[in-house]
Amino acid sequence: MLDKEPFSQVLRSADGYAARELLDTARNRLSAAQVTALESVRHDSGLDTGMLPSPFQGQLNNALDISGRVMTRLLTR
């Protein structure tokens, strides 16, 4: 069984990369409930899904729109 501290830290931080690392390296020492929790963290972060979660996609689109307007303004001076 895996020490609870690394598992707890990953859940508290909701760090998808750390969750993926624990799943890849310590799955055989995790309980079924821990695997499920870590898979949820990984999925919610958007890792290994092939797409960004909606809130992040919206933020990225907004940032791209702003940067496009700034670049246009700078290049048309």
Protein backbone atom coordinates (compact mmCIF):
# COMPACT_ATOMS: atom_id res chain seq x y z
CA MET A 1 0.00 0.00 0.00
CA LEU A 2 1.23 3.48 -0.89
CA ASP A 3 1.95 5.98 1.87
CA LYS A 4 -1.09 8.24 2.13
CA GLU A 5 0.86 11.51 2.08
CA PRO A 6 1.80 11.64 -1.64
CA PHE A 7 -1.72 10.53 -2.54
CA SER A 8 -3.27 13.19 -0.27
CA GLN A 9 -1.00 15.90 -1.67
CA VAL A 10 -2.01 15.08 -5.23
CA LEU A 11 -5.70 15.19 -4.33
CA ARG A 12 -5.32 18.49 -2.47
CA SER A 13 -3.41 20.10 -5.33
CA ALA A 14 -5.56 18.55 -8.10
CA ASP A 15 -2.29 18.23 -10.05
CA GLY A 16 -3.02 16.15 -13.14
CA TYR A 17 0.65 15.54 -13.88
CA ALA A 18 1.30 14.24 -10.37
CA ALA A 19 -1.81 12.05 -10.57
CA ARG A 20 -0.63 10.58 -13.85
CA GLU A 21 2.82 9.95 -12.38
CA LEU A 22 1.39 8.12 -9.37
CA LEU A 23 -0.87 6.05 -11.58
CA ASP A 24 2.04 5.14 -13.85
CA THR A 25 4.52 4.29 -11.10
CA ALA A 26 2.51 3.09 -8.12
CA ARG A 27 -0.77 1.69 -9.45
CA ASN A 28 -0.03 -1.76 -8.01
CA ARG A 29 0.24 -0.24 -4.53
CA LEU A 30 -2.96 1.83 -4.76
CA SER A 31 -6.39 0.79 -3.63
CA ALA A 32 -9.22 0.79 -6.16
CA ALA A 33 -10.63 3.94 -4.54
CA GLN A 34 -7.25 5.70 -4.82
CA VAL A 35 -6.93 4.72 -8.50
CA THR A 36 -10.42 6.07 -9.17
CA ALA A 37 -9.66 9.34 -7.37
CA LEU A 38 -6.37 9.82 -9.23
CA GLU A 39 -7.96 8.99 -12.57
CA SER A 40 -10.58 11.63 -11.83
CA VAL A 41 -7.90 14.24 -11.08
CA ARG A 42 -6.05 13.31 -14.28
CA HIS A 43 -9.22 13.45 -16.37
CA ASP A 44 -10.42 16.74 -14.85
CA SER A 45 -7.05 18.31 -15.69
CA GLY A 46 -7.50 17.38 -19.35
CA LEU A 47 -4.42 15.16 -19.50
CA ASP A 48 -4.61 12.23 -21.90
CA THR A 49 -8.07 13.28 -23.14
CA GLY A 50 -6.90 14.87 -26.37
CA MET A 51 -8.63 18.17 -25.62
CA LEU A 52 -8.68 21.01 -23.13
CA PRO A 53 -11.47 21.12 -20.57
CA SER A 54 -14.09 23.76 -21.47
CA PRO A 55 -13.03 26.39 -18.91
CA PHE A 56 -9.42 26.25 -20.12
CA GLN A 57 -10.49 26.30 -23.77
CA GLY A 58 -12.49 29.45 -23.10
CA GLN A 59 -9.55 31.11 -21.35
CA LEU A 60 -7.21 30.16 -24.20
CA ASN A 61 -9.63 31.50 -26.82
CA ASN A 62 -9.98 34.75 -24.88
CA ALA A 63 -6.20 35.13 -24.61
CA LEU A 64 -5.79 34.48 -28.34
CA ASP A 65 -8.46 37.05 -29.19
CA ILE A 66 -6.76 39.68 -27.02
CA SER A 67 -3.30 38.93 -28.39
CA GLY A 68 -4.66 39.08 -31.95
CA ARG A 69 -6.11 42.55 -31.32
CA VAL A 70 -2.86 43.73 -29.73
CA MET A 71 -0.78 42.41 -32.65
CA THR A 72 -3.11 44.06 -35.17
CA ARG A 73 -2.88 47.37 -33.32
CA LEU A 74 0.91 47.17 -33.15
CA LEU A 75 1.33 46.24 -36.80
CA THR A 76 -1.00 48.94 -38.13
CA ARG A 77 0.65 51.89 -36.39
